[in-house]
């Protein structure tokens, strides 16, 4: 979210339009038969929104010269299906890019295998109005090739969701779709960052890079 105190009704309508675009984009991704094709479309639509949309995280003065977000190449070996395990709700003060915290609760654990090794990440629930499931992570590239505050995989408040299966108790985690929070482009945005518990002990060499 932006820290701008001059937020107006017109801004709110623009933000709603942005959310409609993102929700529709992720619905298309979940329905797509070929994940790599969906990823390429995801990148194309995001680049258009970042360049042209009034709610873009790119500063307005930089949009004309914006050539697209920087990404690693697609690698299907970084796509997995995690098993969701319930956990007792535990309050978590998630750090925010502006130095404050947002109120979340840990609600579960996503357990999964990558390249033959078992890993887990916490799922948290946004305690703000309307709620939402959130999963952000850091790894051994964070602060170097990728954004130091971590990258997002799931942010259902904004529509970012590659597929939950409630009956099976699973969720799709495709690290190729890992993306930077808005604050990585402009410090005026107040973004939740990855909690300390969600650091992966390996370099995740797919998803969005960080330039600058």
Protein backbone atom coordinates (compact mmCIF):
# COMPACT_ATOMS: atom_id res chain seq x y z
CA UNK A 1 0.00 0.00 0.00
CA UNK A 2 1.11 3.57 -0.56
CA UNK A 3 2.01 5.87 2.29
CA UNK A 4 0.55 8.83 0.37
CA UNK A 5 -1.85 10.79 2.62
CA UNK A 6 -3.51 12.48 -0.38
CA UNK A 7 -5.31 9.30 -1.46
CA UNK A 8 -8.55 10.28 -3.27
CA UNK A 9 -11.66 8.61 -4.65
CA UNK A 10 -10.07 8.64 -8.11
CA UNK A 11 -7.03 6.86 -6.66
CA UNK A 12 -9.35 4.29 -5.08
CA UNK A 13 -11.05 3.61 -8.42
CA UNK A 14 -7.64 3.23 -10.08
CA UNK A 15 -6.58 0.80 -7.37
CA UNK A 16 -9.77 -1.21 -7.86
CA UNK A 17 -9.03 -1.41 -11.58
CA UNK A 18 -5.50 -2.62 -10.79
CA UNK A 19 -6.90 -5.33 -8.52
CA UNK A 20 -9.40 -6.42 -11.18
CA UNK A 21 -6.54 -6.80 -13.66
CA UNK A 22 -4.41 -8.83 -11.25
CA UNK A 23 -7.27 -11.08 -10.13
CA UNK A 24 -8.16 -11.80 -13.76
CA UNK A 25 -4.52 -12.45 -14.64
CA UNK A 26 -4.08 -15.03 -11.86
CA UNK A 27 -7.36 -16.70 -12.80
CA UNK A 28 -5.95 -17.15 -16.30
CA UNK A 29 -2.70 -18.51 -14.86
CA UNK A 30 -4.50 -21.12 -12.75
CA UNK A 31 -6.49 -22.26 -15.80
CA UNK A 32 -3.52 -22.39 -18.19
CA UNK A 33 -2.39 -25.89 -19.25
CA UNK A 34 1.27 -24.90 -19.72
CA UNK A 35 2.84 -23.08 -16.73
CA UNK A 36 5.67 -21.55 -18.75
CA UNK A 37 3.23 -20.02 -21.25
CA UNK A 38 1.23 -18.63 -18.31
CA UNK A 39 4.43 -17.19 -16.82
CA UNK A 40 5.26 -15.40 -20.07
CA UNK A 41 1.78 -13.90 -20.23
CA UNK A 42 2.05 -12.91 -16.54
CA UNK A 43 5.26 -11.05 -17.23
CA UNK A 44 3.82 -9.29 -20.29
CA UNK A 45 0.71 -8.09 -18.44
CA UNK A 46 2.69 -6.99 -15.38
CA UNK A 47 5.13 -5.03 -17.51
CA UNK A 48 2.22 -3.26 -19.22
CA UNK A 49 0.62 -2.39 -15.89
CA UNK A 50 3.91 -1.22 -14.41
CA UNK A 51 4.54 1.01 -17.42
CA UNK A 52 1.03 2.40 -18.03
CA UNK A 53 -1.23 2.05 -14.99
CA UNK A 54 -1.70 4.99 -12.57
CA UNK A 55 -1.29 2.60 -9.61
CA UNK A 56 2.06 1.33 -10.88
CA UNK A 57 4.79 1.08 -8.22
CA UNK A 58 7.20 2.59 -10.74
CA UNK A 59 7.65 6.33 -10.00
CA UNK A 60 5.70 8.34 -12.57
CA UNK A 61 8.81 10.10 -13.87
CA UNK A 62 10.45 6.75 -14.68
CA UNK A 63 7.57 5.00 -16.46
CA UNK A 64 8.27 6.29 -19.96
CA UNK A 65 11.69 4.65 -19.94
CA UNK A 66 10.56 1.49 -18.13
CA UNK A 67 11.57 -1.58 -20.17
CA UNK A 68 10.12 -4.31 -17.96
CA UNK A 69 10.84 -6.11 -14.72
CA UNK A 70 14.05 -8.13 -14.53
CA UNK A 71 13.64 -11.89 -14.19
CA UNK A 72 15.65 -15.06 -14.15
CA UNK A 73 14.74 -17.50 -16.92
CA UNK A 74 11.90 -19.96 -16.42
CA UNK A 75 12.87 -23.28 -14.85
CA UNK A 76 10.12 -25.89 -14.32
CA UNK A 77 12.10 -27.60 -11.54
CA UNK A 78 11.14 -24.73 -9.22
CA UNK A 79 7.42 -25.52 -9.43
CA UNK A 80 6.04 -27.73 -6.66
CA UNK A 81 2.87 -28.55 -4.76
CA UNK A 82 3.03 -27.96 -1.02
CA UNK A 83 1.05 -29.76 1.65
CA UNK A 84 -0.66 -27.37 4.04
CA UNK A 85 -0.58 -28.22 7.74
CA UNK A 86 -2.75 -26.29 10.18
CA UNK A 87 -1.00 -24.54 13.05
CA UNK A 88 -2.31 -22.84 16.15
CA UNK A 89 -2.86 -19.18 15.35
CA UNK A 90 0.21 -17.27 16.49
CA UNK A 91 0.32 -13.46 16.32
CA UNK A 92 3.15 -12.24 14.11
CA UNK A 93 4.24 -8.62 13.75
CA UNK A 94 5.42 -8.72 10.15
CA UNK A 95 8.08 -6.08 9.42
CA UNK A 96 7.14 -3.31 7.00
CA UNK A 97 9.44 -1.53 4.56
CA UNK A 98 8.79 1.81 6.30
CA UNK A 99 10.06 0.50 9.64
CA UNK A 100 6.72 -0.27 11.30
CA UNK A 101 4.93 -3.63 11.52
CA UNK A 102 1.65 -5.06 10.26
CA UNK A 103 -0.49 -7.43 12.33
CA UNK A 104 -0.58 -10.95 10.89
CA UNK A 105 -1.15 -14.39 12.38
CA UNK A 106 0.70 -17.55 11.48
CA UNK A 107 -2.05 -20.00 10.49
CA UNK A 108 -0.21 -22.90 8.91
CA UNK A 109 2.88 -24.44 7.38
CA UNK A 110 3.42 -25.21 3.70
CA UNK A 111 5.71 -28.25 3.37
CA UNK A 112 7.22 -29.09 0.00
CA UNK A 113 10.11 -30.69 -1.88
CA UNK A 114 12.52 -28.82 -4.14
CA UNK A 115 15.31 -30.58 -5.97
CA UNK A 116 15.03 -33.57 -3.66
CA UNK A 117 15.13 -31.61 -0.39
CA UNK A 118 12.32 -30.94 2.06
CA UNK A 119 11.47 -27.35 3.01
CA UNK A 120 8.75 -25.46 4.80
CA UNK A 121 7.39 -21.91 4.80
CA UNK A 122 4.87 -20.27 7.09
CA UNK A 123 1.47 -19.14 5.84
CA UNK A 124 0.21 -16.01 7.56
CA UNK A 125 -3.17 -14.31 7.68
CA UNK A 126 -3.49 -10.55 7.25
CA UNK A 127 -5.41 -9.28 10.28
CA UNK A 128 -6.45 -6.12 8.47
CA UNK A 129 -9.98 -5.66 7.16
CA UNK A 130 -10.90 -8.46 4.76
CA UNK A 131 -7.97 -10.64 5.74
CA UNK A 132 -5.93 -12.61 3.23
CA UNK A 133 -3.29 -15.35 3.03
CA UNK A 134 0.29 -14.13 2.65
CA UNK A 135 3.53 -15.97 1.91
CA UNK A 136 6.80 -14.13 1.39
CA UNK A 137 10.30 -15.57 1.60
CA UNK A 138 13.97 -14.72 1.50
CA UNK A 139 16.80 -16.95 0.30
CA UNK A 140 20.53 -16.85 -0.37
CA UNK A 141 20.09 -14.39 -3.26
CA UNK A 142 18.23 -11.85 -1.08
CA UNK A 143 20.04 -8.52 -0.80
CA UNK A 144 22.24 -9.38 -3.77
CA UNK A 145 20.57 -10.52 -6.99
CA UNK A 146 17.09 -10.22 -5.47
CA UNK A 147 15.32 -7.75 -3.19
CA UNK A 148 16.64 -7.83 0.38
CA UNK A 149 13.18 -7.64 1.95
CA UNK A 150 12.12 -10.84 0.23
CA UNK A 151 9.78 -11.81 -2.58
CA UNK A 152 6.10 -12.72 -2.59
CA UNK A 153 4.58 -16.01 -3.72
CA UNK A 154 1.07 -15.61 -2.28
CA UNK A 155 -0.78 -12.40 -1.49
CA UNK A 156 -4.48 -13.12 -1.82
CA UNK A 157 -5.48 -9.56 -0.85
CA UNK A 158 -3.96 -8.55 -4.21
CA UNK A 159 -5.11 -11.67 -6.08
CA UNK A 160 -1.72 -13.43 -6.19
CA UNK A 161 -2.63 -17.09 -5.83
CA UNK A 162 -1.44 -19.93 -8.09
CA UNK A 163 -3.92 -22.47 -6.77
CA UNK A 164 -5.22 -23.81 -3.47
CA UNK A 165 -6.97 -27.17 -3.22
CA UNK A 166 -8.99 -27.20 -0.02
CA UNK A 167 -10.04 -30.84 -0.36
CA UNK A 168 -6.47 -32.07 -0.85
CA UNK A 169 -4.98 -29.51 1.55
CA UNK A 170 -2.39 -28.33 -0.97
CA UNK A 171 -1.17 -25.17 -2.68
CA UNK A 172 0.87 -24.63 -5.83
CA UNK A 173 4.19 -22.90 -5.20
CA UNK A 174 5.95 -21.89 -8.41
CA UNK A 175 9.01 -19.85 -7.54
CA UNK A 176 9.23 -18.65 -11.14
CA UNK A 177 6.30 -16.38 -10.18
CA UNK A 178 8.09 -14.91 -7.13
CA UNK A 179 7.76 -11.13 -7.36
CA UNK A 180 9.07 -8.06 -5.60
CA UNK A 181 6.94 -5.90 -3.31
CA UNK A 182 6.09 -2.42 -4.58
CA UNK A 183 8.51 -0.81 -2.10
CA UNK A 184 11.43 -2.33 -4.01
CA UNK A 185 10.63 0.19 -6.76
CA UNK A 186 9.58 3.20 -4.68
CA UNK A 187 10.10 3.72 -0.94
CA UNK A 188 6.78 5.59 -0.60
CA UNK A 189 5.02 2.20 -0.60
CA UNK A 190 4.59 0.50 2.77
CA UNK A 191 4.95 -3.23 2.14
CA UNK A 192 5.04 -6.25 4.46
CA UNK A 193 8.37 -8.02 4.20
CA UNK A 194 9.27 -11.67 4.56
CA UNK A 195 9.19 -12.86 8.19
CA UNK A 196 12.43 -14.23 9.61
CA UNK A 197 10.97 -17.76 9.75
CA UNK A 198 10.62 -17.83 5.96
CA UNK A 199 14.26 -17.86 4.92
CA UNK A 200 15.15 -20.70 2.57
CA UNK A 201 18.72 -22.04 2.97
CA UNK A 202 19.43 -22.07 -0.77
CA UNK A 203 19.69 -19.62 -3.68
CA UNK A 204 16.32 -19.37 -5.45
CA UNK A 205 17.56 -18.54 -8.96
CA UNK A 206 14.15 -18.00 -10.54
CA UNK A 207 11.56 -15.27 -10.21
CA UNK A 208 12.02 -11.53 -10.15
CA UNK A 209 15.45 -9.97 -9.75
CA UNK A 210 16.22 -6.64 -8.12
CA UNK A 211 17.95 -3.92 -10.10
CA UNK A 212 19.25 -0.79 -8.38
